[in-house]
Amino acid sequence: MLATYVMLPTSHNASISKIGTIHLNDSLILSRVLYVPSFKYNLISVSSLTRNLFRSLILCADKCLIHDTIQGRKIGMCKRFGNLYFLDLA
């Protein structure tokens, strides 16, 4: 059973409203995604992305490549702004 909240780094709890699946592109589908209405941004867990979806990440100073380890091809690219990587869906 999943929790009904997530704990933030500030030790406060944020309520989970829904759990579902999203299709970011044809090759990048995320399951068991938590919808937390109070979050301003959509966050992806790196460990969940690499462990459960057979993906690898190549981190560089200004970008991150999401690689499908089974098919051996790039399926996503992220650009770094500050200390966060933003997924480029274009």
N, C-alpha and C. Protein backbone atom coordinates (compact mmCIF):
# COMPACT_ATOMS: atom_id res chain seq x y z
N MET A 1 0.84 -1.18 0.00
CA MET A 1 0.00 0.00 0.00
C MET A 1 0.88 1.25 0.00
N LEU A 2 0.55 2.20 -0.84
CA LEU A 2 1.31 3.43 -0.93
C LEU A 2 0.86 4.41 0.14
N ALA A 3 1.80 5.25 0.56
CA ALA A 3 1.47 6.29 1.53
C ALA A 3 0.54 7.32 0.89
N THR A 4 -0.14 8.08 1.71
CA THR A 4 -1.03 9.12 1.20
C THR A 4 -0.36 10.49 1.22
N TYR A 5 0.92 10.51 1.56
CA TYR A 5 1.67 11.76 1.60
C TYR A 5 3.14 11.48 1.29
N VAL A 6 3.88 12.53 0.96
CA VAL A 6 5.33 12.44 0.82
C VAL A 6 5.94 13.41 1.81
N MET A 7 7.09 13.04 2.34
CA MET A 7 7.78 13.93 3.28
C MET A 7 8.77 14.79 2.52
N LEU A 8 8.71 16.08 2.74
CA LEU A 8 9.60 17.03 2.09
C LEU A 8 10.89 17.17 2.88
N PRO A 9 11.95 17.68 2.27
CA PRO A 9 13.21 17.90 3.00
C PRO A 9 13.05 18.80 4.22
N THR A 10 12.00 19.59 4.25
CA THR A 10 11.73 20.47 5.39
C THR A 10 11.05 19.73 6.54
N SER A 11 10.83 18.43 6.39
CA SER A 11 10.14 17.56 7.35
C SER A 11 8.63 17.76 7.37
N HIS A 12 8.09 18.55 6.47
CA HIS A 12 6.65 18.71 6.33
C HIS A 12 6.12 17.63 5.38
N ASN A 13 4.84 17.29 5.55
CA ASN A 13 4.20 16.31 4.67
C ASN A 13 3.37 17.02 3.61
N ALA A 14 3.35 16.47 2.39
CA ALA A 14 2.52 16.98 1.31
C ALA A 14 1.61 15.83 0.86
N SER A 15 0.31 16.10 0.75
CA SER A 15 -0.68 15.07 0.42
C SER A 15 -0.57 14.63 -1.04
N ILE A 16 -0.71 13.32 -1.24
CA ILE A 16 -0.79 12.73 -2.57
C ILE A 16 -2.26 12.68 -2.94
N SER A 17 -2.63 13.28 -4.07
CA SER A 17 -4.02 13.33 -4.50
C SER A 17 -4.38 12.14 -5.40
N LYS A 18 -3.48 11.77 -6.31
CA LYS A 18 -3.74 10.69 -7.26
C LYS A 18 -2.45 9.94 -7.56
N ILE A 19 -2.60 8.73 -8.08
CA ILE A 19 -1.47 7.91 -8.54
C ILE A 19 -1.86 7.40 -9.92
N GLY A 20 -0.95 7.54 -10.90
CA GLY A 20 -1.30 7.11 -12.24
C GLY A 20 -0.08 6.90 -13.12
N THR A 21 -0.34 6.85 -14.42
CA THR A 21 0.69 6.63 -15.44
C THR A 21 0.69 7.84 -16.37
N ILE A 22 1.89 8.30 -16.75
CA ILE A 22 2.00 9.39 -17.72
C ILE A 22 2.93 8.97 -18.85
N HIS A 23 2.63 9.47 -20.04
CA HIS A 23 3.43 9.22 -21.23
C HIS A 23 4.15 10.52 -21.57
N LEU A 24 5.46 10.58 -21.28
CA LEU A 24 6.23 11.79 -21.57
C LEU A 24 6.57 11.88 -23.05
N ASN A 25 6.82 10.74 -23.66
CA ASN A 25 6.98 10.61 -25.11
C ASN A 25 6.73 9.14 -25.45
N ASP A 26 6.89 8.73 -26.69
CA ASP A 26 6.59 7.35 -27.08
C ASP A 26 7.45 6.32 -26.35
N SER A 27 8.64 6.71 -25.92
CA SER A 27 9.57 5.78 -25.30
C SER A 27 9.70 5.94 -23.79
N LEU A 28 9.15 6.99 -23.25
CA LEU A 28 9.32 7.27 -21.82
C LEU A 28 7.95 7.34 -21.14
N ILE A 29 7.57 6.21 -20.56
CA ILE A 29 6.28 6.08 -19.88
C ILE A 29 6.58 5.80 -18.41
N LEU A 30 6.00 6.59 -17.54
CA LEU A 30 6.23 6.44 -16.11
C LEU A 30 4.97 5.93 -15.43
N SER A 31 5.11 4.87 -14.63
CA SER A 31 3.99 4.28 -13.90
C SER A 31 4.10 4.65 -12.42
N ARG A 32 2.98 4.54 -11.73
CA ARG A 32 2.90 4.84 -10.30
C ARG A 32 3.40 6.25 -9.99
N VAL A 33 3.02 7.19 -10.84
CA VAL A 33 3.38 8.59 -10.66
C VAL A 33 2.46 9.18 -9.59
N LEU A 34 3.05 9.93 -8.68
CA LEU A 34 2.28 10.55 -7.61
C LEU A 34 1.92 11.98 -8.00
N TYR A 35 0.66 12.35 -7.84
CA TYR A 35 0.23 13.72 -8.08
C TYR A 35 0.09 14.41 -6.72
N VAL A 36 0.93 15.41 -6.52
CA VAL A 36 0.94 16.18 -5.27
C VAL A 36 0.59 17.62 -5.64
N PRO A 37 -0.68 18.03 -5.44
CA PRO A 37 -1.14 19.35 -5.88
C PRO A 37 -0.32 20.52 -5.36
N SER A 38 0.28 20.38 -4.20
CA SER A 38 1.03 21.51 -3.62
C SER A 38 2.42 21.69 -4.24
N PHE A 39 2.88 20.72 -5.05
CA PHE A 39 4.19 20.86 -5.69
C PHE A 39 4.10 21.82 -6.86
N LYS A 40 5.08 22.69 -6.97
CA LYS A 40 5.12 23.66 -8.07
C LYS A 40 5.70 23.02 -9.33
N TYR A 41 6.58 22.03 -9.16
CA TYR A 41 7.26 21.40 -10.29
C TYR A 41 6.98 19.90 -10.30
N ASN A 42 7.14 19.29 -11.46
CA ASN A 42 7.06 17.84 -11.58
C ASN A 42 8.45 17.27 -11.38
N LEU A 43 8.60 16.36 -10.45
CA LEU A 43 9.90 15.78 -10.13
C LEU A 43 9.91 14.31 -10.52
N ILE A 44 11.04 13.86 -11.04
CA ILE A 44 11.22 12.44 -11.40
C ILE A 44 12.32 11.87 -10.52
N SER A 45 12.06 10.75 -9.89
CA SER A 45 13.05 10.08 -9.07
C SER A 45 14.08 9.40 -9.97
N VAL A 46 15.33 9.77 -9.82
CA VAL A 46 16.39 9.19 -10.64
C VAL A 46 16.53 7.70 -10.36
N SER A 47 16.49 7.30 -9.11
CA SER A 47 16.64 5.88 -8.79
C SER A 47 15.48 5.06 -9.34
N SER A 48 14.27 5.60 -9.28
CA SER A 48 13.12 4.89 -9.85
C SER A 48 13.21 4.80 -11.37
N LEU A 49 13.65 5.87 -11.99
CA LEU A 49 13.79 5.90 -13.45
C LEU A 49 14.81 4.87 -13.93
N THR A 50 15.93 4.76 -13.28
CA THR A 50 16.98 3.84 -13.72
C THR A 50 16.73 2.40 -13.28
N ARG A 51 16.18 2.20 -12.12
CA ARG A 51 16.00 0.85 -11.58
C ARG A 51 14.82 0.13 -12.22
N ASN A 52 13.70 0.79 -12.36
CA ASN A 52 12.48 0.12 -12.79
C ASN A 52 12.23 0.16 -14.29
N LEU A 53 12.88 1.03 -15.01
CA LEU A 53 12.57 1.19 -16.43
C LEU A 53 13.73 0.82 -17.35
N PHE A 54 14.77 0.19 -16.82
CA PHE A 54 15.93 -0.23 -17.62
C PHE A 54 16.51 0.95 -18.40
N ARG A 55 16.71 2.04 -17.69
CA ARG A 55 17.28 3.26 -18.27
C ARG A 55 18.59 3.56 -17.60
N SER A 56 19.46 4.24 -18.32
CA SER A 56 20.67 4.77 -17.71
C SER A 56 20.69 6.26 -17.96
N LEU A 57 21.37 6.98 -17.10
CA LEU A 57 21.49 8.42 -17.23
C LEU A 57 22.96 8.78 -17.40
N ILE A 58 23.22 9.67 -18.33
CA ILE A 58 24.57 10.19 -18.53
C ILE A 58 24.51 11.66 -18.16
N LEU A 59 25.15 12.00 -17.04
CA LEU A 59 25.12 13.37 -16.54
C LEU A 59 26.35 14.13 -17.00
N CYS A 60 26.12 15.30 -17.54
CA CYS A 60 27.18 16.22 -17.95
C CYS A 60 26.98 17.52 -17.19
N ALA A 61 27.89 18.46 -17.37
CA ALA A 61 27.82 19.73 -16.65
C ALA A 61 26.54 20.50 -16.97
N ASP A 62 26.06 20.43 -18.20
CA ASP A 62 24.91 21.25 -18.59
C ASP A 62 23.72 20.46 -19.11
N LYS A 63 23.80 19.12 -19.14
CA LYS A 63 22.68 18.32 -19.64
C LYS A 63 22.75 16.90 -19.10
N CYS A 64 21.68 16.16 -19.34
CA CYS A 64 21.58 14.78 -18.91
C CYS A 64 20.89 14.01 -20.03
N LEU A 65 21.46 12.90 -20.42
CA LEU A 65 20.92 12.04 -21.47
C LEU A 65 20.24 10.84 -20.82
N ILE A 66 19.01 10.55 -21.22
CA ILE A 66 18.30 9.35 -20.76
C ILE A 66 18.43 8.31 -21.87
N HIS A 67 18.97 7.16 -21.52
CA HIS A 67 19.34 6.13 -22.50
C HIS A 67 18.58 4.84 -22.19
N ASP A 68 17.98 4.23 -23.21
CA ASP A 68 17.31 2.94 -23.08
C ASP A 68 18.38 1.86 -23.18
N THR A 69 18.62 1.14 -22.10
CA THR A 69 19.70 0.15 -22.08
C THR A 69 19.35 -1.12 -22.85
N ILE A 70 18.07 -1.40 -23.06
CA ILE A 70 17.67 -2.60 -23.81
C ILE A 70 17.79 -2.36 -25.31
N GLN A 71 17.26 -1.24 -25.79
CA GLN A 71 17.30 -0.93 -27.22
C GLN A 71 18.55 -0.17 -27.63
N GLY A 72 19.32 0.30 -26.67
CA GLY A 72 20.58 0.99 -26.96
C GLY A 72 20.41 2.31 -27.68
N ARG A 73 19.42 3.12 -27.26
CA ARG A 73 19.21 4.41 -27.93
C ARG A 73 18.78 5.49 -26.94
N LYS A 74 18.97 6.74 -27.35
CA LYS A 74 18.56 7.89 -26.55
C LYS A 74 17.05 8.02 -26.60
N ILE A 75 16.45 8.25 -25.41
CA ILE A 75 14.99 8.43 -25.37
C ILE A 75 14.60 9.76 -24.73
N GLY A 76 15.57 10.48 -24.21
CA GLY A 76 15.24 11.77 -23.59
C GLY A 76 16.48 12.58 -23.31
N MET A 77 16.28 13.89 -23.18
CA MET A 77 17.37 14.81 -22.88
C MET A 77 16.88 15.82 -21.86
N CYS A 78 17.71 16.13 -20.90
CA CYS A 78 17.40 17.14 -19.90
C CYS A 78 18.47 18.23 -19.97
N LYS A 79 18.04 19.46 -19.74
CA LYS A 79 18.96 20.59 -19.70
C LYS A 79 19.04 21.10 -18.27
N ARG A 80 20.25 21.44 -17.83
CA ARG A 80 20.45 21.90 -16.46
C ARG A 80 20.25 23.40 -16.36
N PHE A 81 19.45 23.79 -15.36
CA PHE A 81 19.27 25.18 -14.98
C PHE A 81 19.47 25.24 -13.48
N GLY A 82 20.49 25.94 -13.03
CA GLY A 82 20.80 25.93 -11.59
C GLY A 82 21.23 24.54 -11.19
N ASN A 83 20.60 24.00 -10.17
CA ASN A 83 20.94 22.66 -9.68
C ASN A 83 19.94 21.58 -10.10
N LEU A 84 19.02 21.93 -11.02
CA LEU A 84 18.01 20.97 -11.47
C LEU A 84 18.15 20.71 -12.96
N TYR A 85 17.77 19.51 -13.38
CA TYR A 85 17.72 19.15 -14.79
C TYR A 85 16.25 19.17 -15.23
N PHE A 86 15.97 19.87 -16.31
CA PHE A 86 14.61 19.98 -16.84
C PHE A 86 14.49 19.13 -18.10
N LEU A 87 13.50 18.25 -18.11
CA LEU A 87 13.29 17.35 -19.23
C LEU A 87 12.81 18.13 -20.44
N ASP A 88 13.51 17.95 -21.56
CA ASP A 88 13.18 18.60 -22.81
C ASP A 88 12.36 17.61 -23.64
N LEU A 89 11.06 17.86 -23.75
CA LEU A 89 10.17 16.93 -24.46
C LEU A 89 10.04 17.26 -25.94
N ALA A 90 10.73 18.28 -26.42
CA ALA A 90 10.63 18.68 -27.85
C ALA A 90 11.37 17.70 -28.74
